């Protein structure tokens, strides 16, 4: 498998909206900056495994529902 094609994508924005959370609200909930949430949603930043799991818990989603290739 070519690693150039393995780009981590996510559904964080739609999951956040489903919970009626703003970027700032989600950021405050999990202890990161609003800019971090924005960067994750736009794919400019890939979260660490720990942050990805914290997002899953906060958004009440399974990992595979939030993140995919």
C-alpha atoms as a PDB file:
ATOM      1  CA  UNK A   1       0.000   0.000   0.000  1.00  0.00           C
ATOM      2  CA  UNK A   2       1.349   3.415  -0.950  1.00  0.00           C
ATOM      3  CA  UNK A   3       1.629   5.633   2.141  1.00  0.00           C
ATOM      4  CA  UNK A   4       1.214   8.733  -0.066  1.00  0.00           C
ATOM      5  CA  UNK A   5      -2.439   7.778  -0.464  1.00  0.00           C
ATOM      6  CA  UNK A   6      -3.025   7.286   3.251  1.00  0.00           C
ATOM      7  CA  UNK A   7      -4.407  10.650   4.228  1.00  0.00           C
ATOM      8  CA  UNK A   8      -6.273  10.678   7.510  1.00  0.00           C
ATOM      9  CA  UNK A   9      -9.685  12.298   7.107  1.00  0.00           C
ATOM     10  CA  UNK A  10     -12.345  12.918   9.708  1.00  0.00           C
ATOM     11  CA  UNK A  11     -15.982  13.633  10.452  1.00  0.00           C
ATOM     12  CA  UNK A  12     -15.266  15.807  13.496  1.00  0.00           C
ATOM     13  CA  UNK A  13     -17.103  18.854  12.143  1.00  0.00           C
ATOM     14  CA  UNK A  14     -20.360  17.019  11.473  1.00  0.00           C
ATOM     15  CA  UNK A  15     -20.158  15.127  14.787  1.00  0.00           C
ATOM     16  CA  UNK A  16     -19.522  18.410  16.613  1.00  0.00           C
ATOM     17  CA  UNK A  17     -22.503  20.032  14.914  1.00  0.00           C
ATOM     18  CA  UNK A  18     -24.692  17.020  15.767  1.00  0.00           C
ATOM     19  CA  UNK A  19     -23.864  17.735  19.426  1.00  0.00           C
ATOM     20  CA  UNK A  20     -24.677  21.439  18.940  1.00  0.00           C
ATOM     21  CA  UNK A  21     -21.157  22.420  19.938  1.00  0.00           C
ATOM     22  CA  UNK A  22     -19.170  25.321  18.563  1.00  0.00           C
ATOM     23  CA  UNK A  23     -15.481  24.840  17.869  1.00  0.00           C
ATOM     24  CA  UNK A  24     -14.774  26.818  21.050  1.00  0.00           C
ATOM     25  CA  UNK A  25     -17.261  24.732  23.034  1.00  0.00           C
ATOM     26  CA  UNK A  26     -15.621  21.476  21.966  1.00  0.00           C
ATOM     27  CA  UNK A  27     -12.166  22.934  22.565  1.00  0.00           C
ATOM     28  CA  UNK A  28     -13.145  23.969  26.102  1.00  0.00           C
ATOM     29  CA  UNK A  29     -14.671  20.551  26.748  1.00  0.00           C
ATOM     30  CA  UNK A  30     -11.498  18.666  25.876  1.00  0.00           C
ATOM     31  CA  UNK A  31      -8.874  21.208  26.902  1.00  0.00           C
ATOM     32  CA  UNK A  32      -7.395  22.341  23.603  1.00  0.00           C
ATOM     33  CA  UNK A  33      -7.509  25.589  21.639  1.00  0.00           C
ATOM     34  CA  UNK A  34     -10.247  26.463  19.167  1.00  0.00           C
ATOM     35  CA  UNK A  35      -7.500  26.645  16.537  1.00  0.00           C
ATOM     36  CA  UNK A  36      -6.643  22.993  17.224  1.00  0.00           C
ATOM     37  CA  UNK A  37     -10.251  21.961  16.566  1.00  0.00           C
ATOM     38  CA  UNK A  38     -10.320  24.036  13.377  1.00  0.00           C
ATOM     39  CA  UNK A  39      -7.036  22.509  12.187  1.00  0.00           C
ATOM     40  CA  UNK A  40      -8.283  18.979  12.839  1.00  0.00           C
ATOM     41  CA  UNK A  41     -11.574  19.621  11.031  1.00  0.00           C
ATOM     42  CA  UNK A  42      -9.810  21.023   7.964  1.00  0.00           C
ATOM     43  CA  UNK A  43      -7.214  18.251   7.898  1.00  0.00           C
ATOM     44  CA  UNK A  44      -4.289  20.580   8.556  1.00  0.00           C
ATOM     45  CA  UNK A  45      -3.466  18.739  11.794  1.00  0.00           C
ATOM     46  CA  UNK A  46      -3.718  15.059  12.666  1.00  0.00           C
ATOM     47  CA  UNK A  47      -4.476  14.533  16.349  1.00  0.00           C
ATOM     48  CA  UNK A  48      -2.402  12.262  18.521  1.00  0.00           C
ATOM     49  CA  UNK A  49      -3.958   8.923  19.428  1.00  0.00           C
ATOM     50  CA  UNK A  50      -4.809  10.314  22.873  1.00  0.00           C
ATOM     51  CA  UNK A  51      -6.496  13.428  21.472  1.00  0.00           C
ATOM     52  CA  UNK A  52      -8.387  11.355  18.896  1.00  0.00           C
ATOM     53  CA  UNK A  53      -9.746   9.121  21.667  1.00  0.00           C
ATOM     54  CA  UNK A  54     -10.682  12.149  23.783  1.00  0.00           C
ATOM     55  CA  UNK A  55     -12.578  13.532  20.785  1.00  0.00           C
ATOM     56  CA  UNK A  56     -14.381  10.198  20.396  1.00  0.00           C
ATOM     57  CA  UNK A  57     -15.457  10.291  24.030  1.00  0.00           C
ATOM     58  CA  UNK A  58     -16.514  13.952  23.906  1.00  0.00           C
ATOM     59  CA  UNK A  59     -18.506  13.451  20.710  1.00  0.00           C
ATOM     60  CA  UNK A  60     -19.845  10.031  21.733  1.00  0.00           C
ATOM     61  CA  UNK A  61     -18.537   8.397  18.559  1.00  0.00           C
ATOM     62  CA  UNK A  62     -16.459   5.322  17.770  1.00  0.00           C
ATOM     63  CA  UNK A  63     -12.987   5.969  16.396  1.00  0.00           C
ATOM     64  CA  UNK A  64     -13.918   4.552  12.992  1.00  0.00           C
ATOM     65  CA  UNK A  65     -16.936   6.875  12.844  1.00  0.00           C
ATOM     66  CA  UNK A  66     -14.731   9.952  13.257  1.00  0.00           C
ATOM     67  CA  UNK A  67     -11.512   9.029  11.459  1.00  0.00           C
ATOM     68  CA  UNK A  68     -10.888   7.243   8.177  1.00  0.00           C
ATOM     69  CA  UNK A  69      -8.459   7.043   5.234  1.00  0.00           C
END
